[in-house]
Protein backbone atom coordinates (compact mmCIF):
# COMPACT_ATOMS: atom_id res chain seq x y z
CA UNK A 1 -79.63 21.31 -41.37
CA UNK A 2 -78.20 17.06 -41.07
CA UNK A 3 -73.97 17.48 -41.73
CA UNK A 4 -74.33 14.88 -45.29
CA UNK A 5 -69.88 14.87 -45.29
CA UNK A 6 -67.77 14.18 -42.49
CA UNK A 7 -65.64 16.73 -41.16
CA UNK A 8 -61.92 16.81 -43.35
CA UNK A 9 -58.99 16.70 -40.99
CA UNK A 10 -56.65 19.43 -42.11
CA UNK A 11 -53.11 17.46 -42.59
CA UNK A 12 -49.95 19.34 -41.52
CA UNK A 13 -48.40 21.42 -44.47
CA UNK A 14 -45.51 19.49 -43.29
CA UNK A 15 -47.02 16.18 -44.51
CA UNK A 16 -48.41 18.09 -47.85
CA UNK A 17 -45.09 19.49 -48.25
CA UNK A 18 -44.16 16.18 -48.54
CA UNK A 19 -46.34 15.04 -51.24
CA UNK A 20 -46.61 15.91 -54.90
CA UNK A 21 -49.65 17.29 -56.22
CA UNK A 22 -49.56 17.02 -60.13
CA UNK A 23 -51.99 17.88 -63.45
CA UNK A 24 -53.80 14.60 -62.99
CA UNK A 25 -54.90 15.48 -59.55
CA UNK A 26 -55.75 18.99 -60.47
CA UNK A 27 -58.09 17.80 -63.87
CA UNK A 28 -59.68 15.21 -61.21
CA UNK A 29 -61.26 18.30 -59.31
CA UNK A 30 -61.60 20.62 -62.05
CA UNK A 31 -63.34 18.24 -64.74
CA UNK A 32 -65.44 17.50 -61.56
CA UNK A 33 -68.28 18.81 -61.57
CA UNK A 34 -68.68 18.95 -58.10
CA UNK A 35 -66.08 21.54 -57.55
CA UNK A 36 -67.20 25.11 -57.36
CA UNK A 37 -64.20 26.91 -56.48
CA UNK A 38 -61.87 28.19 -54.35
CA UNK A 39 -62.03 31.67 -51.81
CA UNK A 40 -60.15 33.46 -49.85
CA UNK A 41 -60.70 35.93 -46.75
CA UNK A 42 -58.33 38.19 -45.09
CA UNK A 43 -59.93 38.96 -41.66
CA UNK A 44 -58.33 41.55 -40.32
CA UNK A 45 -58.73 44.25 -43.61
CA UNK A 46 -62.70 42.54 -43.93
CA UNK A 47 -61.78 41.31 -47.40
CA UNK A 48 -63.50 38.20 -49.17
CA UNK A 49 -62.54 37.19 -53.09
CA UNK A 50 -64.47 33.89 -53.67
CA UNK A 51 -63.31 33.02 -57.53
CA UNK A 52 -65.11 33.39 -61.11
CA UNK A 53 -65.95 29.67 -61.07
CA UNK A 54 -68.34 30.35 -57.86
CA UNK A 55 -69.65 33.88 -58.36
CA UNK A 56 -70.81 31.90 -61.71
CA UNK A 57 -72.06 29.01 -60.07
CA UNK A 58 -74.20 31.47 -57.56
CA UNK A 59 -75.42 32.77 -60.94
CA UNK A 60 -73.30 36.60 -61.04
CA UNK A 61 -71.07 37.84 -63.24
CA UNK A 62 -67.14 38.71 -61.94
CA UNK A 63 -68.14 42.22 -60.92
CA UNK A 64 -70.87 41.48 -59.30
CA UNK A 65 -71.39 41.05 -55.35
CA UNK A 66 -67.85 42.76 -54.94
CA UNK A 67 -65.53 41.59 -52.06
CA UNK A 68 -67.67 43.21 -48.69
CA UNK A 69 -67.77 39.51 -46.46
CA UNK A 70 -71.28 41.14 -45.12
CA UNK A 71 -72.02 40.74 -49.18
CA UNK A 72 -71.32 36.97 -48.98
CA UNK A 73 -72.35 36.64 -45.52
CA UNK A 74 -75.88 37.14 -46.66
CA UNK A 75 -76.32 34.90 -49.25
CA UNK A 76 -75.90 31.62 -46.74
CA UNK A 77 -79.06 30.70 -45.62
CA UNK A 78 -80.09 32.14 -42.34
CA UNK A 79 -81.18 28.17 -41.01
CA UNK A 80 -77.46 27.19 -41.98
CA UNK A 81 -75.70 30.63 -40.64
CA UNK A 82 -75.67 29.50 -36.74
CA UNK A 83 -72.96 26.49 -37.92
CA UNK A 84 -71.33 28.82 -40.37
CA UNK A 85 -70.41 30.66 -37.48
CA UNK A 86 -69.68 28.09 -34.68
CA UNK A 87 -67.84 26.17 -37.01
CA UNK A 88 -65.25 28.72 -37.46
CA UNK A 89 -65.73 29.99 -33.87
CA UNK A 90 -64.32 26.35 -33.23
CA UNK A 91 -61.36 26.41 -36.08
CA UNK A 92 -60.19 30.01 -34.12
CA UNK A 93 -60.04 28.53 -30.47
CA UNK A 94 -58.59 25.56 -31.46
CA UNK A 95 -55.84 27.52 -33.64
CA UNK A 96 -57.16 25.54 -36.31
CA UNK A 97 -57.11 21.60 -34.75
CA UNK A 98 -60.61 21.55 -35.08
CA UNK A 99 -61.52 21.77 -38.76
CA UNK A 100 -63.33 24.38 -40.71
CA UNK A 101 -66.13 21.86 -42.54
CA UNK A 102 -69.45 22.23 -43.19
CA UNK A 103 -72.55 21.64 -45.31
CA UNK A 104 -74.37 24.72 -46.36
CA UNK A 105 -76.66 26.26 -48.49
CA UNK A 106 -76.25 29.21 -50.61
CA UNK A 107 -78.59 32.00 -51.76
CA UNK A 108 -78.82 32.17 -55.68
CA UNK A 109 -79.33 35.28 -58.08
CA UNK A 110 -82.59 33.66 -59.27
CA UNK A 111 -84.29 33.12 -55.80
CA UNK A 112 -83.08 29.14 -55.74
CA UNK A 113 -80.50 28.08 -53.12
CA UNK A 114 -77.41 25.72 -53.85
CA UNK A 115 -76.39 23.31 -51.30
CA UNK A 116 -72.59 23.49 -50.59
CA UNK A 117 -69.59 21.51 -49.06
CA UNK A 118 -67.45 24.32 -47.33
CA UNK A 119 -63.80 23.27 -45.58
CA UNK A 120 -61.31 26.16 -45.15
CA UNK A 121 -57.67 27.26 -42.76
CA UNK A 122 -56.34 30.05 -40.95
CA UNK A 123 -52.71 30.32 -42.16
CA UNK A 124 -52.01 32.92 -40.74
CA UNK A 125 -52.47 34.86 -37.03
CA UNK A 126 -51.40 37.55 -35.70
CA UNK A 127 -48.95 37.48 -32.48
CA UNK A 128 -51.75 37.12 -30.19
CA UNK A 129 -53.37 34.02 -32.35
CA UNK A 130 -56.08 36.05 -33.84
CA UNK A 131 -56.43 34.67 -37.49
CA UNK A 132 -55.88 37.30 -40.24
CA UNK A 133 -56.05 35.42 -43.31
CA UNK A 134 -58.37 32.34 -43.70
CA UNK A 135 -58.59 30.29 -47.52
CA UNK A 136 -61.19 27.16 -48.60
CA UNK A 137 -62.86 25.79 -51.54
CA UNK A 138 -66.82 24.48 -52.18
CA UNK A 139 -67.80 21.50 -53.25
CA UNK A 140 -71.53 21.51 -54.96
CA UNK A 141 -73.95 19.22 -53.05
CA UNK A 142 -76.74 19.42 -54.65
CA UNK A 143 -78.53 16.63 -56.43
CA UNK A 144 -75.76 14.44 -55.82
CA UNK A 145 -75.79 11.19 -55.32
CA UNK A 146 -74.66 8.87 -51.08
CA UNK A 147 -72.55 7.41 -54.33
CA UNK A 148 -70.91 10.84 -55.74
CA UNK A 149 -71.06 12.20 -51.85
CA UNK A 150 -69.04 9.39 -51.27
CA UNK A 151 -66.65 10.68 -54.04
CA UNK A 152 -66.93 14.11 -52.70
CA UNK A 153 -65.51 13.11 -50.08
CA UNK A 154 -61.97 11.78 -51.37
CA UNK A 155 -61.77 14.95 -53.36
CA UNK A 156 -61.31 16.86 -50.36
CA UNK A 157 -58.13 15.19 -49.89
CA UNK A 158 -56.39 16.48 -52.86
CA UNK A 159 -58.17 19.62 -51.90
CA UNK A 160 -56.78 19.64 -48.79
CA UNK A 161 -52.80 19.65 -50.36
CA UNK A 162 -53.36 22.24 -52.19
CA UNK A 163 -54.47 24.87 -49.40
CA UNK A 164 -52.59 23.64 -46.75
CA UNK A 165 -49.05 22.88 -48.37
CA UNK A 166 -48.24 22.40 -51.98
CA UNK A 167 -47.86 26.43 -53.24
CA UNK A 168 -49.84 26.31 -56.50
CA UNK A 169 -52.09 28.24 -58.33
CA UNK A 170 -55.21 26.69 -61.07
CA UNK A 171 -56.04 27.63 -64.29
CA UNK A 172 -58.93 26.03 -66.05
CA UNK A 173 -59.98 26.81 -70.19
CA UNK A 174 -62.66 25.28 -72.13
CA UNK A 175 -61.26 25.38 -75.25
CA UNK A 176 -64.26 25.19 -77.77
CA UNK A 177 -65.90 28.66 -75.65
CA UNK A 178 -62.77 30.43 -74.81
CA UNK A 179 -63.57 31.11 -71.09
CA UNK A 180 -61.22 30.94 -68.87
CA UNK A 181 -60.79 30.67 -64.77
CA UNK A 182 -57.54 30.62 -62.75
CA UNK A 183 -57.80 30.06 -58.98
CA UNK A 184 -56.39 33.08 -56.10
CA UNK A 185 -54.19 31.60 -55.49
CA UNK A 186 -52.91 31.88 -59.42
CA UNK A 187 -53.77 35.95 -59.26
CA UNK A 188 -51.72 36.26 -55.99
CA UNK A 189 -48.57 34.38 -57.53
CA UNK A 190 -48.55 37.15 -60.74
CA UNK A 191 -49.67 39.87 -57.92
CA UNK A 192 -53.18 40.48 -59.78
CA UNK A 193 -56.67 40.37 -57.86
CA UNK A 194 -59.43 39.01 -60.16
CA UNK A 195 -61.14 42.49 -60.89
CA UNK A 196 -57.19 43.92 -62.35
CA UNK A 197 -57.40 41.02 -65.15
CA UNK A 198 -59.44 39.34 -66.17
CA UNK A 199 -58.75 35.09 -66.77
CA UNK A 200 -57.39 34.92 -70.44
CA UNK A 201 -55.90 32.07 -71.84
CA UNK A 202 -54.59 34.32 -75.25
CA UNK A 203 -53.48 37.10 -72.76
CA UNK A 204 -51.42 34.40 -70.52
CA UNK A 205 -49.46 33.71 -73.90
CA UNK A 206 -49.00 36.07 -75.49
CA UNK A 207 -49.06 39.51 -73.06
CA UNK A 208 -47.05 37.55 -69.83
CA UNK A 209 -44.82 34.55 -70.61
CA UNK A 210 -41.75 35.72 -71.99
CA UNK A 211 -41.23 36.09 -75.15
CA UNK A 212 -38.30 33.56 -75.30
CA UNK A 213 -40.11 30.86 -74.02
CA UNK A 214 -43.72 31.71 -76.10
CA UNK A 215 -43.11 29.34 -78.58
CA UNK A 216 -42.16 26.56 -76.69
CA UNK A 217 -45.20 26.71 -74.56
CA UNK A 218 -47.49 26.61 -77.81
CA UNK A 219 -45.41 23.77 -79.44
CA UNK A 220 -46.03 21.61 -76.05
CA UNK A 221 -49.17 22.81 -75.84
CA UNK A 222 -49.64 21.62 -79.87
CA UNK A 223 -47.85 18.12 -78.52
CA UNK A 224 -50.12 17.89 -76.11
CA UNK A 225 -53.23 18.39 -77.81
CA UNK A 226 -52.71 16.20 -81.27
CA UNK A 227 -49.97 13.39 -80.02
CA UNK A 228 -51.23 13.85 -76.02
CA UNK A 229 -47.57 14.28 -74.82
CA UNK A 230 -47.22 15.14 -71.58
CA UNK A 231 -48.08 19.07 -71.14
CA UNK A 232 -44.72 19.96 -68.42
CA UNK A 233 -42.60 22.95 -68.87
CA UNK A 234 -40.62 25.67 -66.85
CA UNK A 235 -41.17 29.44 -68.54
CA UNK A 236 -40.88 33.14 -67.05
CA UNK A 237 -44.21 35.34 -66.80
CA UNK A 238 -44.59 38.73 -65.76
CA UNK A 239 -46.10 39.65 -62.70
CA UNK A 240 -48.33 42.96 -62.18
CA UNK A 241 -44.57 44.59 -60.90
CA UNK A 242 -43.28 44.03 -64.77
CA UNK A 243 -40.55 41.71 -63.41
CA UNK A 244 -39.92 37.70 -65.34
CA UNK A 245 -39.90 35.02 -62.76
CA UNK A 246 -39.71 31.58 -63.35
CA UNK A 247 -42.62 29.44 -63.28
CA UNK A 248 -43.41 25.44 -63.55
CA UNK A 249 -46.12 24.99 -65.40
CA UNK A 250 -48.43 21.59 -66.29
CA UNK A 251 -51.59 20.80 -67.28
CA UNK A 252 -54.39 18.38 -68.54
CA UNK A 253 -56.63 18.04 -71.63
CA UNK A 254 -59.66 16.37 -71.97
CA UNK A 255 -60.16 15.47 -75.21
CA UNK A 256 -63.90 14.34 -76.82
CA UNK A 257 -64.55 11.17 -78.91
CA UNK A 258 -63.38 12.40 -81.83
CA UNK A 259 -60.46 12.91 -80.07
CA UNK A 260 -60.74 16.45 -80.16
CA UNK A 261 -59.38 18.40 -76.99
CA UNK A 262 -62.18 20.49 -75.55
CA UNK A 263 -60.66 21.11 -72.49
CA UNK A 264 -57.77 21.28 -70.29
CA UNK A 265 -57.01 22.48 -66.91
CA UNK A 266 -53.35 22.69 -64.64
CA UNK A 267 -51.78 24.65 -62.20
CA UNK A 268 -48.17 26.54 -62.00
CA UNK A 269 -45.28 26.90 -59.45
CA UNK A 270 -43.12 29.84 -58.75
CA UNK A 271 -39.48 28.36 -58.98
CA UNK A 272 -37.99 31.62 -59.18
CA UNK A 273 -35.69 30.85 -55.61
CA UNK A 274 -35.14 27.77 -57.17
CA UNK A 275 -34.20 28.28 -60.13
CA UNK A 276 -31.33 30.79 -59.10
CA UNK A 277 -30.13 28.33 -56.16
CA UNK A 278 -30.03 25.98 -59.35
CA UNK A 279 -27.68 29.16 -61.34
CA UNK A 280 -25.84 29.57 -58.44
CA UNK A 281 -25.25 26.27 -58.09
CA UNK A 282 -24.87 26.10 -62.11
CA UNK A 283 -22.03 28.72 -61.43
CA UNK A 284 -20.40 27.30 -58.05
CA UNK A 285 -19.79 23.52 -60.12
CA UNK A 286 -17.84 25.96 -63.39
CA UNK A 287 -15.71 27.66 -60.71
CA UNK A 288 -14.52 24.29 -59.31
CA UNK A 289 -14.51 23.26 -62.68
CA UNK A 290 -12.09 25.34 -63.43
CA UNK A 291 -10.21 25.67 -60.74
CA UNK A 292 -9.73 21.76 -61.03
CA UNK A 293 -8.76 21.93 -64.69
CA UNK A 294 -6.15 24.96 -63.99
CA UNK A 295 -4.72 23.51 -61.14
CA UNK A 296 -4.92 19.96 -62.58
CA UNK A 297 -6.48 18.13 -59.68
CA UNK A 298 -9.33 16.01 -58.62
CA UNK A 299 -11.05 14.40 -55.92
CA UNK A 300 -11.40 10.69 -55.32
CA UNK A 301 -13.08 8.53 -52.36
CA UNK A 302 -12.73 5.08 -51.67
CA UNK A 303 -15.45 2.49 -49.90
CA UNK A 304 -13.87 0.96 -47.68
CA UNK A 305 -16.71 -1.82 -47.05
CA UNK A 306 -17.72 -2.04 -50.84
CA UNK A 307 -14.06 -1.65 -52.09
CA UNK A 308 -15.64 0.92 -54.75
CA UNK A 309 -13.53 3.72 -56.04
CA UNK A 310 -14.79 7.11 -57.48
CA UNK A 311 -12.82 9.77 -59.74
CA UNK A 312 -13.61 12.98 -60.48
CA UNK A 313 -13.25 13.15 -64.09
CA UNK A 314 -9.84 15.22 -63.82
CA UNK A 315 -8.54 12.16 -61.35
CA UNK A 316 -9.06 10.07 -65.01
CA UNK A 317 -7.74 12.94 -67.04
CA UNK A 318 -3.96 13.23 -64.95
CA UNK A 319 -4.25 9.46 -65.55
CA UNK A 320 -4.55 9.69 -68.80
CA UNK A 321 -7.59 6.81 -68.84
CA UNK A 322 -11.14 7.33 -70.12
CA UNK A 323 -14.72 7.55 -67.75
CA UNK A 324 -15.98 4.72 -68.11
CA UNK A 325 -12.53 2.57 -66.71
CA UNK A 326 -13.77 2.25 -63.06
CA UNK A 327 -10.64 0.33 -61.11
CA UNK A 328 -9.86 -1.70 -58.21
CA UNK A 329 -8.11 -0.84 -55.80
CA UNK A 330 -4.97 -3.01 -56.17
CA UNK A 331 -5.50 -1.30 -59.88
CA UNK A 332 -5.39 2.11 -58.77
CA UNK A 333 -1.60 1.72 -56.38
CA UNK A 334 -0.26 -0.35 -59.01
CA UNK A 335 0.05 3.37 -61.43
CA UNK A 336 2.45 5.22 -59.05
CA UNK A 337 5.57 3.74 -59.36
CA UNK A 338 8.12 1.30 -57.38
CA UNK A 339 9.54 3.67 -55.07
CA UNK A 340 6.16 5.39 -54.38
CA UNK A 341 3.45 2.51 -53.87
CA UNK A 342 4.76 1.04 -51.00
CA UNK A 343 4.77 4.41 -49.36
CA UNK A 344 1.45 5.40 -50.04
CA UNK A 345 0.08 1.34 -49.73
CA UNK A 346 1.78 1.80 -45.72
CA UNK A 347 -0.09 5.41 -45.53
CA UNK A 348 -3.46 4.35 -47.21
CA UNK A 349 -3.41 1.49 -44.27
CA UNK A 350 -2.65 3.68 -41.67
CA UNK A 351 -5.70 6.02 -41.89
CA UNK A 352 -8.12 2.97 -42.26
CA UNK A 353 -6.35 1.64 -39.07
CA UNK A 354 -5.58 4.56 -36.83
CA UNK A 355 -7.66 7.75 -39.02
CA UNK A 356 -4.34 8.88 -40.00
CA UNK A 357 -4.34 11.36 -43.15
CA UNK A 358 -1.81 11.88 -45.16
CA UNK A 359 -0.24 14.06 -47.57
CA UNK A 360 2.71 12.60 -49.83
CA UNK A 361 4.19 13.45 -53.40
CA UNK A 362 4.79 10.26 -55.24
CA UNK A 363 6.51 9.51 -58.20
CA UNK A 364 3.42 8.27 -60.87
CA UNK A 365 3.23 6.72 -63.38
CA UNK A 366 -0.49 6.91 -66.48
CA UNK A 367 -1.92 4.43 -68.19
CA UNK A 368 0.10 6.15 -71.72
CA UNK A 369 3.85 5.16 -69.63
CA UNK A 370 4.02 9.32 -68.86
CA UNK A 371 5.70 9.12 -65.23
CA UNK A 372 4.72 12.43 -63.25
CA UNK A 373 4.65 13.46 -59.88
CA UNK A 374 1.80 14.21 -58.61
CA UNK A 375 0.30 14.87 -54.98
CA UNK A 376 -2.07 12.16 -53.20
CA UNK A 377 -3.96 13.54 -49.64
CA UNK A 378 -6.00 11.20 -48.27
CA UNK A 379 -8.63 11.50 -45.18
CA UNK A 380 -11.11 9.03 -43.42
CA UNK A 381 -14.75 9.35 -42.92
CA UNK A 382 -16.61 8.30 -39.58
CA UNK A 383 -19.71 6.33 -38.67
CA UNK A 384 -21.35 6.62 -35.66
CA UNK A 385 -18.56 3.81 -34.02
CA UNK A 386 -15.52 5.19 -34.76
CA UNK A 387 -15.00 3.54 -37.50
CA UNK A 388 -13.07 4.44 -41.01
CA UNK A 389 -15.18 3.20 -43.59
CA UNK A 390 -14.90 5.11 -46.46
CA UNK A 391 -11.44 7.92 -47.74
CA UNK A 392 -11.27 10.07 -49.37
CA UNK A 393 -9.09 13.52 -50.98
CA UNK A 394 -7.58 14.94 -53.28
CA UNK A 395 -5.03 14.06 -56.36
CA UNK A 396 -3.00 16.89 -58.01
CA UNK A 397 -0.91 16.59 -61.27
CA UNK A 398 2.12 18.70 -60.13
CA UNK A 399 4.68 17.47 -62.18
CA UNK A 400 5.83 20.35 -63.72
CA UNK A 401 5.72 21.91 -60.03
CA UNK A 402 8.00 19.70 -59.20
CA UNK A 403 10.53 19.47 -62.27
CA UNK A 404 10.69 23.09 -61.09
CA UNK A 405 11.15 22.25 -57.82
CA UNK A 406 13.77 19.36 -58.52
CA UNK A 407 16.20 21.56 -61.24
CA UNK A 408 15.78 24.80 -58.42
CA UNK A 409 17.25 22.22 -56.38
CA UNK A 410 20.16 21.23 -58.66
CA UNK A 411 21.03 25.20 -59.70
CA UNK A 412 20.79 25.34 -55.77
CA UNK A 413 23.81 22.74 -55.08
CA UNK A 414 25.77 24.03 -58.15
CA UNK A 415 25.96 27.56 -56.92
CA UNK A 416 26.83 26.54 -53.98
CA UNK A 417 29.83 23.87 -55.33
CA UNK A 418 30.82 27.62 -56.86
CA UNK A 419 30.06 29.31 -53.87
CA UNK A 420 32.91 27.15 -52.23
CA UNK A 421 35.23 27.23 -55.15
CA UNK A 422 35.11 30.87 -54.96
CA UNK A 423 36.06 31.15 -50.97
CA UNK A 424 38.81 28.91 -51.45
CA UNK A 425 40.08 30.29 -54.20
CA UNK A 426 40.27 33.85 -52.31
CA UNK A 427 41.05 32.53 -49.26
CA UNK A 428 44.37 31.21 -51.61
CA UNK A 429 45.03 34.41 -52.51
CA UNK A 430 44.53 36.30 -49.04
CA UNK A 431 46.98 33.62 -47.91
CA UNK A 432 49.57 33.99 -51.32
CA UNK A 433 49.41 38.01 -51.10
CA UNK A 434 50.95 37.75 -47.20
CA UNK A 435 53.89 35.16 -48.57
CA UNK A 436 54.13 38.15 -50.41
CA UNK A 437 54.34 40.84 -48.04
CA UNK A 438 56.92 38.20 -45.82
CA UNK A 439 59.76 37.88 -48.97
CA UNK A 440 59.16 41.25 -50.20
CA UNK A 441 59.98 42.25 -46.31
CA UNK A 442 63.04 40.08 -46.42
CA UNK A 443 64.67 41.54 -49.65
CA UNK A 444 64.80 44.81 -48.11
CA UNK A 445 66.54 43.47 -45.42
CA UNK A 446 68.85 40.68 -47.18
CA UNK A 447 72.48 41.51 -46.80
CA UNK A 448 73.86 38.94 -48.60
CA UNK A 449 73.47 38.76 -51.86
CA UNK A 450 72.91 34.73 -51.26
CA UNK A 451 69.87 35.95 -49.12
CA UNK A 452 68.61 37.83 -51.79
CA UNK A 453 68.82 35.43 -54.41
CA UNK A 454 67.30 32.75 -52.22
CA UNK A 455 63.69 35.65 -51.45
CA UNK A 456 63.74 35.76 -55.44
CA UNK A 457 63.37 32.07 -55.84
CA UNK A 458 61.10 31.56 -53.90
CA UNK A 459 59.47 34.64 -55.16
CA UNK A 460 59.13 32.88 -58.48
CA UNK A 461 57.41 29.94 -56.38
CA UNK A 462 54.86 32.21 -55.32
CA UNK A 463 54.00 33.61 -58.45
CA UNK A 464 53.79 30.17 -59.65
CA UNK A 465 50.72 29.25 -56.56
CA UNK A 466 49.07 32.65 -57.47
CA UNK A 467 48.30 31.93 -60.97
CA UNK A 468 46.99 28.33 -60.59
CA UNK A 469 44.84 30.48 -57.60
CA UNK A 470 43.69 32.63 -60.75
CA UNK A 471 42.64 29.71 -62.72
CA UNK A 472 40.55 27.96 -59.96
CA UNK A 473 39.03 31.62 -59.87
CA UNK A 474 38.41 31.63 -63.29
CA UNK A 475 37.18 28.59 -63.32
CA UNK A 476 34.78 29.30 -60.40
CA UNK A 477 33.27 32.86 -61.59
CA UNK A 478 32.74 31.53 -65.43
CA UNK A 479 31.08 27.57 -64.32
CA UNK A 480 27.99 27.90 -66.27
CA UNK A 481 25.20 28.35 -63.30
CA UNK A 482 22.34 26.01 -64.62
């Protein structure tokens, strides 16, 4: 049988992940009558699943045919089967480099044949390079013109993105008839097989969507149907194991000439990991903000080449400035007291010219004239040539700590002075006590009255010195320690 379509070269997964597949791409696929459905083949387990859309095209009910790959092989026209086998073998032998793309005829339930384009990719291999699982899609070529065939070839690009790297499940709902269709990967994302759960919009909305998110979805659908607002939201969906996980849901409707919605298709994508990472990031940001607020510390960065300054909210708060204010470097230096500004300017300059880090405590005046002590830390950021292109660091209000430190220094100074006074007074008392012992000994051994009178006079003088020393000691012990 002649192949009417050129083989579709599979794109690398890394390339496809960089391309966004949105509801309009899905709409272009699912609204197109040529799209015939997806298939999923677990080669090692001899299990195959072709979705409801394909089964309907062949005239079968969902429960018919089953999942035995041999039953599906028997539906391929005998003249086309060798091409199918050869294409599959080349795909396996080249480890997926040769595309599994071909046309063949399938036998319908009524005995007629339908011509299909089939494309697939092995996406799971074992350690020996043998295929484990393969996925693909069908496109209906029956009664299509040459122009339509060119259109079909273009459609394979979007389908390949979905098959090879974009982890999405597709859904399709006929509003007028109530018929629904979910792609095999839609089922897989929710932990089901298509035999376990019939596709149903009502079941999905009222039994699978989290109750808190249900009204949000219904409102979004209403806005999309009535006002053609974009349908795109994040919600929680209950999986087979009973656990709710976050999904990104988007869709696109089709309206008739009277403006009544008749058909809607879309996709879901599991974003549970992204949500968890987002929540962790929010928690870290909250902790960082709380730490910054409690410690009165903020971050800053100066682009040396552009002359631009970036401050965090806490830096603005320390400056007592609104976050809408964007200072120049010169204006930023002007907030520092005359004694501190040249110290900072020299340190900042050496950071750029010599790559030196600085850590300074400086006197600072806010925009409202409040005098504060701040701590400024800066370090260079180098380009590939080793040139400092940015300076960044932290800025902290340490006024309370600094005032406490200054008060402590004053207290220590006063204590040191008082201790010196106490030491002097104690030394004098020791000297006076020694003099007293000497005078008393002389008095006891004095033979003449005149000598005794002389000793008594010295004792009176010593008593006055004792009195002066005691007064000095009293003053030192009663001095205010603060």
